[in-house]
Amino acid sequence: MVPKDLLGDIRKLIEETRSAVARTVNAGLAMLYWRIGKRIGEEILKGHRAEYGKQIVVSLSRQLVQEHGNSFSEKNLRRMVQFAEVFPDEQIVVSLIRHLSWTHFLALIPLRDPLQREFYAAMCRAEGWSSRSCTTCSITHRASYRASCCANTQILLPPTTGNGDPAFLHQVYIFSMLIMKVEFAE
C-alpha cells in the first residue's frame, strides 16, 4: 500500500512539471510564430511588393507544410504576419507570452482597436482568462471595455479560472508542432 501523502506529492510534482513544460512550449511557439510573421512582413510583404508577397506566402506555405506540418499553412502564415503587425514590439510579446497562449493571441488579433487589445490582454494575464473566455468576452462584452473606467465593472466581466486554465495542453498547435516523422523498419 502506497502512503497517500507520497502519492499526492508525486502527482503534484507531475502536474506542476507538465504545466511548466506546456507553458514553455507555448511561449516558444508564440515567439516562433511572431518571428516568422515579422520576417515575412518585413522582407516579403512590403507595400509595393504585395502581389509578389502573396505568391511567396503560398509557395513558402507549401514547402513548410511538407516539412513541418499544417501549423504552417497559408492561413496560419498570414495569422503570423497579422500577429507581428498588431504586436510590433518584441519586448511586449516576450512579456505577454509568459501568460498568454497562441490561442489567446488568435483571439486578440482581430480586435482593431489597440486599446481594446491591450485591455483584453491585461484581463487574460491578470485574471487568468482562458482563450475561450477572452474570445467570448471580446465578442459579447464590448460594453465592458467601454465601461471599464466606470465603477463596478466586475459585473460585466466573465468569471476567472484563477489557475491559468490548463486546457492549453490540448491545443492542436502544440501537438502539430511537436509531431516528429518516425520511420519504422521491419
N, C-alpha and C. Protein backbone atom coordinates (compact mmCIF):
# COMPACT_ATOMS: atom_id res chain seq x y z
N MET A 1 0.85 -1.19 0.00
CA MET A 1 0.00 0.00 0.00
C MET A 1 0.90 1.25 0.00
N VAL A 2 0.60 2.15 -0.91
CA VAL A 2 1.38 3.38 -1.04
C VAL A 2 0.78 4.44 -0.11
N PRO A 3 1.62 5.10 0.67
CA PRO A 3 1.11 6.17 1.54
C PRO A 3 0.46 7.29 0.72
N LYS A 4 -0.69 7.77 1.19
CA LYS A 4 -1.44 8.79 0.46
C LYS A 4 -0.63 10.07 0.25
N ASP A 5 0.12 10.49 1.25
CA ASP A 5 0.89 11.73 1.09
C ASP A 5 1.99 11.57 0.04
N LEU A 6 2.58 10.38 -0.07
CA LEU A 6 3.59 10.14 -1.10
C LEU A 6 2.95 10.21 -2.49
N LEU A 7 1.85 9.53 -2.65
CA LEU A 7 1.14 9.54 -3.93
C LEU A 7 0.69 10.95 -4.29
N GLY A 8 0.18 11.67 -3.33
CA GLY A 8 -0.25 13.05 -3.57
C GLY A 8 0.90 13.95 -3.96
N ASP A 9 2.03 13.81 -3.28
CA ASP A 9 3.21 14.62 -3.60
C ASP A 9 3.72 14.33 -5.01
N ILE A 10 3.76 13.06 -5.38
CA ILE A 10 4.23 12.67 -6.72
C ILE A 10 3.28 13.21 -7.79
N ARG A 11 1.99 13.08 -7.55
CA ARG A 11 1.00 13.61 -8.51
C ARG A 11 1.18 15.12 -8.69
N LYS A 12 1.40 15.80 -7.58
CA LYS A 12 1.58 17.25 -7.64
C LYS A 12 2.84 17.61 -8.45
N LEU A 13 3.93 16.89 -8.21
CA LEU A 13 5.16 17.12 -8.97
C LEU A 13 4.94 16.90 -10.47
N ILE A 14 4.24 15.84 -10.80
CA ILE A 14 3.97 15.54 -12.21
C ILE A 14 3.14 16.65 -12.84
N GLU A 15 2.08 17.07 -12.18
CA GLU A 15 1.21 18.12 -12.73
C GLU A 15 1.93 19.45 -12.85
N GLU A 16 2.73 19.80 -11.85
CA GLU A 16 3.49 21.05 -11.91
C GLU A 16 4.47 21.05 -13.08
N THR A 17 5.14 19.92 -13.27
CA THR A 17 6.10 19.82 -14.37
C THR A 17 5.40 19.85 -15.72
N ARG A 18 4.30 19.13 -15.85
CA ARG A 18 3.54 19.16 -17.10
C ARG A 18 3.10 20.57 -17.43
N SER A 19 2.61 21.27 -16.45
CA SER A 19 2.15 22.64 -16.66
C SER A 19 3.30 23.55 -17.07
N ALA A 20 4.44 23.40 -16.41
CA ALA A 20 5.62 24.23 -16.74
C ALA A 20 6.11 23.93 -18.15
N VAL A 21 6.13 22.66 -18.53
CA VAL A 21 6.56 22.28 -19.88
C VAL A 21 5.59 22.86 -20.92
N ALA A 22 4.32 22.75 -20.66
CA ALA A 22 3.32 23.28 -21.60
C ALA A 22 3.47 24.80 -21.76
N ARG A 23 3.69 25.51 -20.65
CA ARG A 23 3.88 26.96 -20.73
C ARG A 23 5.14 27.30 -21.54
N THR A 24 6.20 26.53 -21.33
CA THR A 24 7.45 26.76 -22.07
C THR A 24 7.25 26.52 -23.56
N VAL A 25 6.58 25.43 -23.90
CA VAL A 25 6.31 25.12 -25.31
C VAL A 25 5.44 26.21 -25.93
N ASN A 26 4.40 26.62 -25.21
CA ASN A 26 3.52 27.67 -25.70
C ASN A 26 4.28 28.96 -25.95
N ALA A 27 5.12 29.33 -25.01
CA ALA A 27 5.91 30.56 -25.17
C ALA A 27 6.85 30.45 -26.36
N GLY A 28 7.48 29.30 -26.50
CA GLY A 28 8.39 29.09 -27.63
C GLY A 28 7.66 29.16 -28.96
N LEU A 29 6.49 28.53 -29.04
CA LEU A 29 5.73 28.57 -30.29
C LEU A 29 5.24 29.98 -30.61
N ALA A 30 4.72 30.67 -29.61
CA ALA A 30 4.24 32.03 -29.85
C ALA A 30 5.38 32.93 -30.34
N MET A 31 6.54 32.79 -29.74
CA MET A 31 7.69 33.59 -30.16
C MET A 31 8.12 33.21 -31.58
N LEU A 32 8.13 31.91 -31.87
CA LEU A 32 8.45 31.46 -33.22
C LEU A 32 7.48 32.04 -34.23
N TYR A 33 6.20 31.98 -33.93
CA TYR A 33 5.18 32.48 -34.85
C TYR A 33 5.32 33.99 -35.04
N TRP A 34 5.65 34.71 -33.96
CA TRP A 34 5.86 36.15 -34.08
C TRP A 34 7.06 36.45 -34.98
N ARG A 35 8.15 35.72 -34.78
CA ARG A 35 9.35 35.94 -35.59
C ARG A 35 9.12 35.59 -37.05
N ILE A 36 8.39 34.51 -37.30
CA ILE A 36 8.06 34.16 -38.69
C ILE A 36 7.22 35.26 -39.31
N GLY A 37 6.20 35.73 -38.58
CA GLY A 37 5.34 36.80 -39.09
C GLY A 37 6.11 38.08 -39.35
N LYS A 38 7.00 38.41 -38.45
CA LYS A 38 7.82 39.61 -38.62
C LYS A 38 8.72 39.49 -39.84
N ARG A 39 9.35 38.33 -39.98
CA ARG A 39 10.26 38.11 -41.12
C ARG A 39 9.51 38.20 -42.45
N ILE A 40 8.38 37.54 -42.52
CA ILE A 40 7.58 37.59 -43.75
C ILE A 40 7.10 39.01 -44.01
N GLY A 41 6.59 39.65 -42.98
CA GLY A 41 6.06 41.00 -43.12
C GLY A 41 7.09 42.02 -43.55
N GLU A 42 8.26 41.96 -42.96
CA GLU A 42 9.30 42.95 -43.27
C GLU A 42 10.00 42.69 -44.59
N GLU A 43 10.27 41.45 -44.88
CA GLU A 43 11.10 41.14 -46.03
C GLU A 43 10.33 40.87 -47.32
N ILE A 44 9.12 40.38 -47.21
CA ILE A 44 8.41 39.96 -48.42
C ILE A 44 7.19 40.81 -48.73
N LEU A 45 6.42 41.16 -47.72
CA LEU A 45 5.14 41.81 -47.97
C LEU A 45 5.19 43.34 -47.88
N LYS A 46 6.31 43.94 -48.12
CA LYS A 46 6.41 45.40 -48.07
C LYS A 46 5.50 46.01 -49.13
N GLY A 47 4.80 47.02 -48.72
CA GLY A 47 3.82 47.74 -49.53
C GLY A 47 3.78 47.48 -51.02
N HIS A 48 4.77 47.90 -51.76
CA HIS A 48 4.73 47.84 -53.22
C HIS A 48 4.95 46.43 -53.76
N ARG A 49 5.31 45.48 -52.91
CA ARG A 49 5.54 44.12 -53.37
C ARG A 49 4.46 43.17 -52.86
N ALA A 50 3.26 43.69 -52.64
CA ALA A 50 2.20 42.88 -52.04
C ALA A 50 1.82 41.68 -52.91
N GLU A 51 1.67 41.85 -54.21
CA GLU A 51 1.31 40.73 -55.09
C GLU A 51 2.39 39.67 -55.06
N TYR A 52 3.63 40.09 -55.17
CA TYR A 52 4.76 39.17 -55.10
C TYR A 52 4.76 38.45 -53.75
N GLY A 53 4.47 39.21 -52.71
CA GLY A 53 4.43 38.65 -51.36
C GLY A 53 3.37 37.58 -51.20
N LYS A 54 2.20 37.79 -51.80
CA LYS A 54 1.13 36.79 -51.72
C LYS A 54 1.57 35.48 -52.34
N GLN A 55 2.24 35.58 -53.48
CA GLN A 55 2.73 34.37 -54.15
C GLN A 55 3.78 33.66 -53.30
N ILE A 56 4.63 34.46 -52.68
CA ILE A 56 5.69 33.89 -51.84
C ILE A 56 5.09 33.18 -50.64
N VAL A 57 4.07 33.76 -50.02
CA VAL A 57 3.44 33.13 -48.85
C VAL A 57 2.84 31.78 -49.24
N VAL A 58 2.21 31.71 -50.40
CA VAL A 58 1.63 30.45 -50.87
C VAL A 58 2.73 29.41 -51.07
N SER A 59 3.80 29.79 -51.77
CA SER A 59 4.91 28.86 -52.02
C SER A 59 5.61 28.46 -50.73
N LEU A 60 5.86 29.43 -49.88
CA LEU A 60 6.50 29.17 -48.60
C LEU A 60 5.67 28.20 -47.78
N SER A 61 4.37 28.42 -47.76
CA SER A 61 3.47 27.56 -47.01
C SER A 61 3.52 26.12 -47.52
N ARG A 62 3.49 25.95 -48.82
CA ARG A 62 3.54 24.59 -49.39
C ARG A 62 4.78 23.85 -48.91
N GLN A 63 5.92 24.52 -48.96
CA GLN A 63 7.17 23.88 -48.55
C GLN A 63 7.19 23.60 -47.05
N LEU A 64 6.75 24.56 -46.27
CA LEU A 64 6.78 24.38 -44.82
C LEU A 64 5.80 23.31 -44.35
N VAL A 65 4.63 23.24 -44.97
CA VAL A 65 3.66 22.22 -44.61
C VAL A 65 4.23 20.83 -44.89
N GLN A 66 4.89 20.69 -46.01
CA GLN A 66 5.52 19.40 -46.33
C GLN A 66 6.57 19.01 -45.29
N GLU A 67 7.35 19.98 -44.89
CA GLU A 67 8.46 19.71 -43.98
C GLU A 67 8.06 19.68 -42.50
N HIS A 68 7.10 20.56 -42.12
CA HIS A 68 6.82 20.75 -40.70
C HIS A 68 5.36 20.63 -40.29
N GLY A 69 4.48 20.32 -41.21
CA GLY A 69 3.08 20.10 -40.84
C GLY A 69 2.17 21.30 -41.06
N ASN A 70 0.89 21.07 -40.78
CA ASN A 70 -0.16 22.04 -41.08
C ASN A 70 -0.13 23.32 -40.24
N SER A 71 0.69 23.37 -39.23
CA SER A 71 0.82 24.62 -38.46
C SER A 71 1.33 25.76 -39.32
N PHE A 72 1.89 25.43 -40.49
CA PHE A 72 2.47 26.45 -41.35
C PHE A 72 1.70 26.59 -42.65
N SER A 73 0.38 26.36 -42.58
CA SER A 73 -0.48 26.55 -43.74
C SER A 73 -0.49 28.02 -44.13
N GLU A 74 -0.96 28.30 -45.32
CA GLU A 74 -1.03 29.69 -45.78
C GLU A 74 -1.83 30.55 -44.81
N LYS A 75 -2.97 30.05 -44.37
CA LYS A 75 -3.82 30.78 -43.43
C LYS A 75 -3.05 31.09 -42.14
N ASN A 76 -2.33 30.10 -41.62
CA ASN A 76 -1.58 30.31 -40.38
C ASN A 76 -0.41 31.26 -40.58
N LEU A 77 0.26 31.19 -41.74
CA LEU A 77 1.34 32.15 -42.01
C LEU A 77 0.80 33.57 -42.05
N ARG A 78 -0.38 33.75 -42.62
CA ARG A 78 -0.99 35.08 -42.65
C ARG A 78 -1.35 35.54 -41.23
N ARG A 79 -1.80 34.62 -40.40
CA ARG A 79 -2.07 34.96 -38.99
C ARG A 79 -0.78 35.39 -38.29
N MET A 80 0.30 34.72 -38.61
CA MET A 80 1.59 35.07 -38.00
C MET A 80 2.01 36.47 -38.42
N VAL A 81 1.76 36.82 -39.68
CA VAL A 81 2.07 38.18 -40.16
C VAL A 81 1.19 39.18 -39.41
N GLN A 82 -0.10 38.87 -39.26
CA GLN A 82 -1.00 39.75 -38.51
C GLN A 82 -0.54 39.90 -37.07
N PHE A 83 -0.11 38.80 -36.48
CA PHE A 83 0.39 38.80 -35.11
C PHE A 83 1.53 39.80 -34.96
N ALA A 84 2.50 39.73 -35.86
CA ALA A 84 3.64 40.66 -35.81
C ALA A 84 3.22 42.09 -36.10
N GLU A 85 2.19 42.27 -36.92
CA GLU A 85 1.72 43.62 -37.23
C GLU A 85 1.00 44.26 -36.05
N VAL A 86 0.14 43.50 -35.37
CA VAL A 86 -0.63 44.09 -34.27
C VAL A 86 0.14 44.13 -32.95
N PHE A 87 1.20 43.33 -32.86
CA PHE A 87 2.10 43.37 -31.71
C PHE A 87 3.52 43.59 -32.23
N PRO A 88 3.83 44.80 -32.70
CA PRO A 88 5.12 45.04 -33.35
C PRO A 88 6.32 45.07 -32.41
N ASP A 89 6.10 45.26 -31.12
CA ASP A 89 7.20 45.38 -30.16
C ASP A 89 7.54 44.01 -29.56
N GLU A 90 8.74 43.53 -29.85
CA GLU A 90 9.16 42.20 -29.38
C GLU A 90 9.13 42.12 -27.85
N GLN A 91 9.49 43.18 -27.16
CA GLN A 91 9.51 43.14 -25.70
C GLN A 91 8.12 42.94 -25.13
N ILE A 92 7.12 43.54 -25.77
CA ILE A 92 5.74 43.35 -25.31
C ILE A 92 5.33 41.90 -25.54
N VAL A 93 5.70 41.35 -26.69
CA VAL A 93 5.37 39.95 -26.98
C VAL A 93 6.04 39.04 -25.96
N VAL A 94 7.31 39.28 -25.67
CA VAL A 94 8.03 38.47 -24.69
C VAL A 94 7.32 38.53 -23.34
N SER A 95 6.87 39.70 -22.96
CA SER A 95 6.16 39.86 -21.70
C SER A 95 4.82 39.11 -21.71
N LEU A 96 4.10 39.20 -22.82
CA LEU A 96 2.79 38.57 -22.90
C LEU A 96 2.85 37.04 -22.99
N ILE A 97 3.86 36.50 -23.66
CA ILE A 97 3.89 35.05 -23.84
C ILE A 97 4.13 34.30 -22.54
N ARG A 98 4.51 34.99 -21.52
CA ARG A 98 4.65 34.35 -20.21
C ARG A 98 3.28 33.97 -19.65
N HIS A 99 2.24 34.66 -20.14
CA HIS A 99 0.90 34.49 -19.57
C HIS A 99 -0.15 34.05 -20.59
N LEU A 100 0.09 34.33 -21.87
CA LEU A 100 -0.91 34.05 -22.89
C LEU A 100 -0.42 32.99 -23.87
N SER A 101 -1.34 32.16 -24.31
CA SER A 101 -1.01 31.13 -25.29
C SER A 101 -1.25 31.67 -26.70
N TRP A 102 -0.85 30.88 -27.69
CA TRP A 102 -1.08 31.26 -29.09
C TRP A 102 -2.57 31.46 -29.34
N THR A 103 -3.42 30.64 -28.75
CA THR A 103 -4.86 30.81 -28.98
C THR A 103 -5.38 32.10 -28.35
N HIS A 104 -4.76 32.57 -27.28
CA HIS A 104 -5.10 33.89 -26.75
C HIS A 104 -4.79 34.96 -27.80
N PHE A 105 -3.60 34.85 -28.39
CA PHE A 105 -3.22 35.83 -29.41
C PHE A 105 -4.17 35.78 -30.60
N LEU A 106 -4.58 34.57 -30.98
CA LEU A 106 -5.53 34.45 -32.09
C LEU A 106 -6.86 35.14 -31.77
N ALA A 107 -7.24 35.14 -30.50
CA ALA A 107 -8.46 35.84 -30.08
C ALA A 107 -8.26 37.35 -30.08
N LEU A 108 -7.04 37.81 -29.82
CA LEU A 108 -6.76 39.25 -29.73
C LEU A 108 -6.47 39.89 -31.08
N ILE A 109 -5.91 39.14 -32.01
CA ILE A 109 -5.50 39.69 -33.31
C ILE A 109 -6.64 40.41 -34.04
N PRO A 110 -7.86 39.84 -34.10
CA PRO A 110 -8.92 40.51 -34.86
C PRO A 110 -9.41 41.85 -34.27
N LEU A 111 -9.08 42.11 -33.02
CA LEU A 111 -9.53 43.36 -32.41
C LEU A 111 -8.80 44.53 -33.06
N ARG A 112 -9.53 45.44 -33.65
CA ARG A 112 -8.91 46.52 -34.42
C ARG A 112 -8.37 47.64 -33.55
N ASP A 113 -8.99 47.85 -32.43
CA ASP A 113 -8.59 48.94 -31.54
C ASP A 113 -7.45 48.47 -30.63
N PRO A 114 -6.27 49.11 -30.73
CA PRO A 114 -5.14 48.70 -29.88
C PRO A 114 -5.45 48.76 -28.39
N LEU A 115 -6.25 49.74 -27.97
CA LEU A 115 -6.60 49.83 -26.55
C LEU A 115 -7.46 48.64 -26.13
N GLN A 116 -8.34 48.21 -27.01
CA GLN A 116 -9.16 47.04 -26.72
C GLN A 116 -8.27 45.79 -26.59
N ARG A 117 -7.33 45.64 -27.51
CA ARG A 117 -6.40 44.52 -27.45
C ARG A 117 -5.63 44.53 -26.13
N GLU A 118 -5.14 45.70 -25.77
CA GLU A 118 -4.38 45.82 -24.52
C GLU A 118 -5.25 45.47 -23.31
N PHE A 119 -6.50 45.94 -23.35
CA PHE A 119 -7.43 45.66 -22.24
C PHE A 119 -7.63 44.16 -22.07
N TYR A 120 -7.97 43.48 -23.16
CA TYR A 120 -8.24 42.04 -23.07
C TYR A 120 -6.98 41.25 -22.77
N ALA A 121 -5.84 41.67 -23.28
CA ALA A 121 -4.58 41.00 -22.94
C ALA A 121 -4.31 41.15 -21.45
N ALA A 122 -4.54 42.34 -20.92
CA ALA A 122 -4.33 42.58 -19.49
C ALA A 122 -5.29 41.74 -18.64
N MET A 123 -6.53 41.62 -19.08
CA MET A 123 -7.50 40.83 -18.33
C MET A 123 -7.14 39.34 -18.37
N CYS A 124 -6.69 38.87 -19.53
CA CYS A 124 -6.27 37.47 -19.62
C CYS A 124 -5.10 37.20 -18.69
N ARG A 125 -4.17 38.14 -18.68
CA ARG A 125 -2.97 37.98 -17.85
C ARG A 125 -3.32 38.09 -16.37
N ALA A 126 -4.05 39.12 -15.99
CA ALA A 126 -4.32 39.39 -14.57
C ALA A 126 -5.34 38.42 -13.97
N GLU A 127 -6.35 38.06 -14.75
CA GLU A 127 -7.42 37.24 -14.21
C GLU A 127 -7.33 35.77 -14.61
N GLY A 128 -6.33 35.42 -15.41
CA GLY A 128 -6.18 34.02 -15.81
C GLY A 128 -7.25 33.53 -16.75
N TRP A 129 -7.79 34.43 -17.59
CA TRP A 129 -8.83 34.02 -18.53
C TRP A 129 -8.28 32.99 -19.51
N SER A 130 -9.08 32.01 -19.82
CA SER A 130 -8.74 31.07 -20.89
C SER A 130 -8.91 31.80 -22.22
N SER A 131 -8.38 31.21 -23.28
CA SER A 131 -8.55 31.84 -24.60
C SER A 131 -10.02 31.88 -24.98
N ARG A 132 -10.78 30.88 -24.56
CA ARG A 132 -12.22 30.88 -24.85
C ARG A 132 -12.92 32.03 -24.13
N SER A 133 -12.56 32.26 -22.88
CA SER A 133 -13.14 33.38 -22.14
C SER A 133 -12.77 34.70 -22.81
N CYS A 134 -11.55 34.80 -23.27
CA CYS A 134 -11.09 36.02 -23.95
C CYS A 134 -11.90 36.26 -25.22
N THR A 135 -12.08 35.21 -26.01
CA THR A 135 -12.85 35.33 -27.25
C THR A 135 -14.28 35.70 -26.95
N THR A 136 -14.90 34.99 -26.02
CA THR A 136 -16.29 35.24 -25.67
C THR A 136 -16.46 36.65 -25.14
N CYS A 137 -15.55 37.04 -24.27
CA CYS A 137 -15.64 38.37 -23.68
C CYS A 137 -15.45 39.45 -24.73
N SER A 138 -14.47 39.29 -25.60
CA SER A 138 -14.20 40.33 -26.59
C SER A 138 -15.33 40.45 -27.60
N ILE A 139 -16.07 39.38 -27.83
CA ILE A 139 -17.18 39.43 -28.78
C ILE A 139 -18.46 39.91 -28.10
N THR A 140 -18.79 39.33 -26.97
CA THR A 140 -20.09 39.59 -26.35
C THR A 140 -20.08 40.67 -25.27
N HIS A 141 -18.93 41.06 -24.82
CA HIS A 141 -18.87 42.04 -23.74
C HIS A 141 -18.12 43.31 -24.14
N ARG A 142 -18.33 43.77 -25.34
CA ARG A 142 -17.66 45.01 -25.79
C ARG A 142 -18.02 46.18 -24.87
N ALA A 143 -19.20 46.14 -24.34
CA ALA A 143 -19.62 47.22 -23.44
C ALA A 143 -18.77 47.26 -22.18
N SER A 144 -18.27 46.11 -21.74
CA SER A 144 -17.45 46.09 -20.52
C SER A 144 -16.15 46.85 -20.73
N TYR A 145 -15.62 46.79 -21.96
CA TYR A 145 -14.41 47.54 -22.28
C TYR A 145 -14.69 49.03 -22.18
N ARG A 146 -15.79 49.45 -22.77
CA ARG A 146 -16.12 50.88 -22.75
C ARG A 146 -16.42 51.35 -21.33
N ALA A 147 -16.98 50.44 -20.54
CA ALA A 147 -17.36 50.81 -19.18
C ALA A 147 -16.26 50.54 -18.17
N SER A 148 -15.10 50.08 -18.63
CA SER A 148 -14.06 49.68 -17.70
C SER A 148 -13.57 50.81 -16.80
N CYS A 149 -13.76 52.03 -17.24
CA CYS A 149 -13.35 53.16 -16.42
C CYS A 149 -14.42 53.52 -15.39
N CYS A 150 -15.59 52.95 -15.54
CA CYS A 150 -16.69 53.23 -14.62
C CYS A 150 -16.60 52.31 -13.41
N ALA A 151 -17.38 52.64 -12.41
CA ALA A 151 -17.37 51.84 -11.19
C ALA A 151 -18.07 50.50 -11.41
N ASN A 152 -17.66 49.53 -10.63
CA ASN A 152 -18.28 48.21 -10.56
C ASN A 152 -18.34 47.48 -11.90
N THR A 153 -17.25 47.39 -12.61
CA THR A 153 -17.22 46.65 -13.88
C THR A 153 -17.12 45.15 -13.64
N GLN A 154 -16.92 44.73 -12.41
CA GLN A 154 -16.82 43.30 -12.12
C GLN A 154 -18.05 42.53 -12.61
N ILE A 155 -19.19 43.17 -12.58
CA ILE A 155 -20.43 42.52 -13.01
C ILE A 155 -20.35 42.15 -14.49
N LEU A 156 -19.66 42.95 -15.28
CA LEU A 156 -19.62 42.75 -16.72
C LEU A 156 -18.56 41.76 -17.16
N LEU A 157 -17.64 41.41 -16.29
CA LEU A 157 -16.53 40.56 -16.68
C LEU A 157 -16.85 39.09 -16.44
N PRO A 158 -16.34 38.21 -17.29
CA PRO A 158 -16.62 36.78 -17.10
C PRO A 158 -15.89 36.26 -15.87
N PRO A 159 -16.35 35.15 -15.33
CA PRO A 159 -15.67 34.58 -14.17
C PRO A 159 -14.25 34.15 -14.54
N THR A 160 -13.37 34.24 -13.57
CA THR A 160 -11.97 33.90 -13.83
C THR A 160 -11.74 32.43 -13.54
N THR A 161 -10.72 31.88 -14.17
CA THR A 161 -10.36 30.49 -13.91
C THR A 161 -9.44 30.42 -12.70
N GLY A 162 -8.62 31.45 -12.54
CA GLY A 162 -7.74 31.51 -11.39
C GLY A 162 -6.54 30.59 -11.44
N ASN A 163 -6.60 29.56 -12.27
CA ASN A 163 -5.49 28.61 -12.30
C ASN A 163 -4.74 28.60 -13.62
N GLY A 164 -5.00 29.57 -14.48
CA GLY A 164 -4.27 29.64 -15.74
C GLY A 164 -4.80 28.71 -16.81
N ASP A 165 -5.91 28.03 -16.53
CA ASP A 165 -6.59 27.16 -17.50
C ASP A 165 -5.65 26.17 -18.18
N PRO A 166 -5.49 24.99 -17.64
CA PRO A 166 -4.60 24.01 -18.25
C PRO A 166 -5.10 23.45 -19.58
N ALA A 167 -6.21 23.97 -20.10
CA ALA A 167 -6.73 23.49 -21.38
C ALA A 167 -5.75 23.71 -22.52
N PHE A 168 -4.80 24.63 -22.34
CA PHE A 168 -3.85 24.88 -23.42
C PHE A 168 -2.96 23.66 -23.69
N LEU A 169 -2.98 22.69 -22.79
CA LEU A 169 -2.23 21.46 -23.05
C LEU A 169 -2.77 20.73 -24.27
N HIS A 170 -4.03 20.98 -24.57
CA HIS A 170 -4.68 20.24 -25.64
C HIS A 170 -4.71 21.00 -26.96
N GLN A 171 -4.00 22.08 -27.07
CA GLN A 171 -4.03 22.87 -28.30
C GLN A 171 -3.42 22.11 -29.45
N VAL A 172 -4.10 22.16 -30.56
CA VAL A 172 -3.64 21.48 -31.76
C VAL A 172 -2.29 22.02 -32.18
N TYR A 173 -2.04 23.29 -32.00
CA TYR A 173 -0.79 23.89 -32.44
C TYR A 173 0.41 23.25 -31.77
N ILE A 174 0.30 22.98 -30.49
CA ILE A 174 1.43 22.38 -29.77
C ILE A 174 1.70 20.99 -30.31
N PHE A 175 0.67 20.17 -30.38
CA PHE A 175 0.87 18.80 -30.81
C PHE A 175 1.30 18.72 -32.27
N SER A 176 0.75 19.58 -33.10
CA SER A 176 1.13 19.59 -34.51
C SER A 176 2.60 19.95 -34.66
N MET A 177 3.05 20.90 -33.87
CA MET A 177 4.43 21.34 -33.95
C MET A 177 5.39 20.26 -33.45
N LEU A 178 4.95 19.48 -32.48
CA LEU A 178 5.84 18.51 -31.85
C LEU A 178 5.85 17.15 -32.53
N ILE A 179 4.98 16.97 -33.52
CA ILE A 179 4.93 15.68 -34.21
C ILE A 179 6.23 15.47 -34.98
N MET A 180 6.86 14.35 -34.74
CA MET A 180 8.09 14.02 -35.44
C MET A 180 7.82 12.92 -36.45
N LYS A 181 8.52 12.99 -37.54
CA LYS A 181 8.39 11.93 -38.53
C LYS A 181 9.19 10.72 -38.04
N VAL A 182 8.50 9.62 -37.91
CA VAL A 182 9.15 8.40 -37.44
C VAL A 182 8.98 7.33 -38.51
N GLU A 183 10.07 6.74 -38.90
CA GLU A 183 10.02 5.67 -39.88
C GLU A 183 10.36 4.37 -39.18
N PHE A 184 9.58 3.36 -39.49
CA PHE A 184 9.80 2.06 -38.89
C PHE A 184 10.37 1.11 -39.92
N ALA A 185 11.35 0.37 -39.56
CA ALA A 185 11.92 -0.65 -40.44
C ALA A 185 11.69 -2.01 -39.81
N GLU A 186 11.20 -2.92 -40.61
CA GLU A 186 10.93 -4.25 -40.07
C GLU A 186 11.89 -5.26 -40.65
